[in-house]
Amino acid sequence: MIAETPDGARLRRLWHEHRAAPFPAATTADPRLQEVALFESWLGSIVEAALSRGGRLGAAHMGMVRIREAEGNQAMWALAGELGEPARSYVARLLAIEDVVRKLPADT
């Protein structure tokens, strides 16, 4: 078993809490909600992989996270603002999870 990093433990707790929360809409016909769902899916694949490595990022995922970090969160925050509650809280939680992912060490 791989020893879990402190940020990995925090990520596990946040991800578990997030997965227990329902998606903020019954349907995803609105393209803005589709964008939220796409971001969640992308982030979720990275989170699951990092958790399987004890809270560490593989090289490919590290590269994706760095590119995403350079893009910034302005578009996601704008989207969340347009959608209002409960989507705004949902996106805020995803961005908090992404922030923890950025702090994870590389898997060596």
Protein backbone atom coordinates (compact mmCIF):
# COMPACT_ATOMS: atom_id res chain seq x y z
CA MET A 1 0.00 0.00 0.00
CA ILE A 2 1.22 3.49 -0.87
CA ALA A 3 1.47 5.94 2.03
CA GLU A 4 -0.95 8.82 1.52
CA THR A 5 0.34 12.39 1.49
CA PRO A 6 -1.37 14.94 3.80
CA ASP A 7 -2.82 16.75 0.78
CA GLY A 8 -3.87 13.36 -0.56
CA ALA A 9 -5.85 12.71 2.63
CA ARG A 10 -7.48 16.13 2.33
CA LEU A 11 -8.27 15.47 -1.33
CA ARG A 12 -9.83 12.10 -0.45
CA ARG A 13 -12.08 13.76 2.15
CA LEU A 14 -13.14 16.61 -0.19
CA TRP A 15 -13.76 14.26 -3.11
CA HIS A 16 -15.82 11.91 -0.95
CA GLU A 17 -17.95 14.84 0.25
CA HIS A 18 -18.31 16.16 -3.28
CA ARG A 19 -19.40 12.81 -4.71
CA ALA A 20 -22.19 12.67 -2.12
CA ALA A 21 -23.63 15.98 -3.39
CA PRO A 22 -26.11 15.85 -6.27
CA PHE A 23 -25.38 17.59 -9.57
CA PRO A 24 -27.02 21.04 -9.46
CA ALA A 25 -29.59 20.34 -12.20
CA ALA A 26 -31.94 17.54 -13.19
CA THR A 27 -30.90 17.80 -16.86
CA THR A 28 -27.85 19.09 -18.66
CA ALA A 29 -29.59 20.54 -21.71
CA ASP A 30 -28.09 23.95 -20.88
CA PRO A 31 -24.59 24.17 -22.45
CA ARG A 32 -23.33 25.92 -19.32
CA LEU A 33 -24.28 22.90 -17.21
CA GLN A 34 -22.62 20.66 -19.79
CA GLU A 35 -19.42 22.67 -19.27
CA VAL A 36 -19.66 22.11 -15.50
CA ALA A 37 -20.22 18.38 -16.06
CA LEU A 38 -17.25 18.21 -18.45
CA PHE A 39 -14.99 19.99 -15.95
CA GLU A 40 -16.14 17.66 -13.17
CA SER A 41 -15.44 14.62 -15.34
CA TRP A 42 -11.96 15.88 -16.27
CA LEU A 43 -11.11 16.75 -12.68
CA GLY A 44 -12.58 13.50 -11.37
CA SER A 45 -10.35 11.37 -13.58
CA ILE A 46 -7.29 13.20 -12.25
CA VAL A 47 -8.49 12.98 -8.64
CA GLU A 48 -9.17 9.24 -8.87
CA ALA A 49 -5.75 8.60 -10.41
CA ALA A 50 -4.01 10.74 -7.77
CA LEU A 51 -5.85 8.99 -4.94
CA SER A 52 -4.81 5.61 -6.31
CA ARG A 53 -1.20 6.84 -6.04
CA GLY A 54 -1.49 7.95 -2.44
CA GLY A 55 -2.16 11.59 -3.27
CA ARG A 56 0.49 11.98 -5.96
CA LEU A 57 0.18 13.07 -9.59
CA GLY A 58 1.64 11.16 -12.50
CA ALA A 59 3.65 13.14 -15.04
CA ALA A 60 0.85 13.33 -17.63
CA HIS A 61 -1.70 14.53 -15.10
CA MET A 62 0.80 17.01 -13.66
CA GLY A 63 1.16 18.49 -17.15
CA MET A 64 -2.61 18.75 -17.62
CA VAL A 65 -3.04 20.43 -14.23
CA ARG A 66 -0.31 22.97 -15.05
CA ILE A 67 -1.95 23.83 -18.39
CA ARG A 68 -5.32 24.22 -16.70
CA GLU A 69 -3.73 26.41 -14.02
CA ALA A 70 -2.29 28.69 -16.71
CA GLU A 71 -5.75 29.03 -18.29
CA GLY A 72 -7.20 30.28 -15.01
CA ASN A 73 -10.66 29.97 -13.51
CA GLN A 74 -12.29 33.14 -14.82
CA ALA A 75 -14.49 31.28 -17.29
CA MET A 76 -15.67 28.76 -14.66
CA TRP A 77 -16.46 31.51 -12.15
CA ALA A 78 -18.36 33.48 -14.80
CA LEU A 79 -20.33 30.38 -15.70
CA ALA A 80 -21.12 29.69 -12.06
CA GLY A 81 -22.27 33.29 -11.60
CA GLU A 82 -24.60 33.02 -14.58
CA LEU A 83 -26.09 29.76 -13.32
CA GLY A 84 -26.63 30.99 -9.74
CA GLU A 85 -27.24 28.67 -6.81
CA PRO A 86 -26.85 25.73 -6.38
CA ALA A 87 -24.44 25.58 -9.36
CA ARG A 88 -22.27 28.35 -7.91
CA SER A 89 -21.59 26.34 -4.73
CA TYR A 90 -21.02 23.20 -6.77
CA VAL A 91 -18.43 24.90 -8.99
CA ALA A 92 -16.78 26.50 -5.94
CA ARG A 93 -16.36 23.03 -4.42
CA LEU A 94 -14.85 21.70 -7.66
CA LEU A 95 -12.41 24.61 -7.79
CA ALA A 96 -11.43 23.99 -4.16
CA ILE A 97 -10.71 20.37 -5.07
CA GLU A 98 -8.69 21.52 -8.07
CA ASP A 99 -6.68 23.78 -5.76
CA VAL A 100 -5.73 20.79 -3.60
CA VAL A 101 -4.82 18.80 -6.73
CA ARG A 102 -2.40 21.57 -7.74
CA LYS A 103 -0.56 21.12 -4.44
CA LEU A 104 -0.03 17.38 -4.83
CA PRO A 105 3.53 16.16 -5.31
CA ALA A 106 4.65 14.32 -8.41
CA ASP A 107 4.70 10.54 -8.31
CA THR A 108 8.31 9.48 -8.67
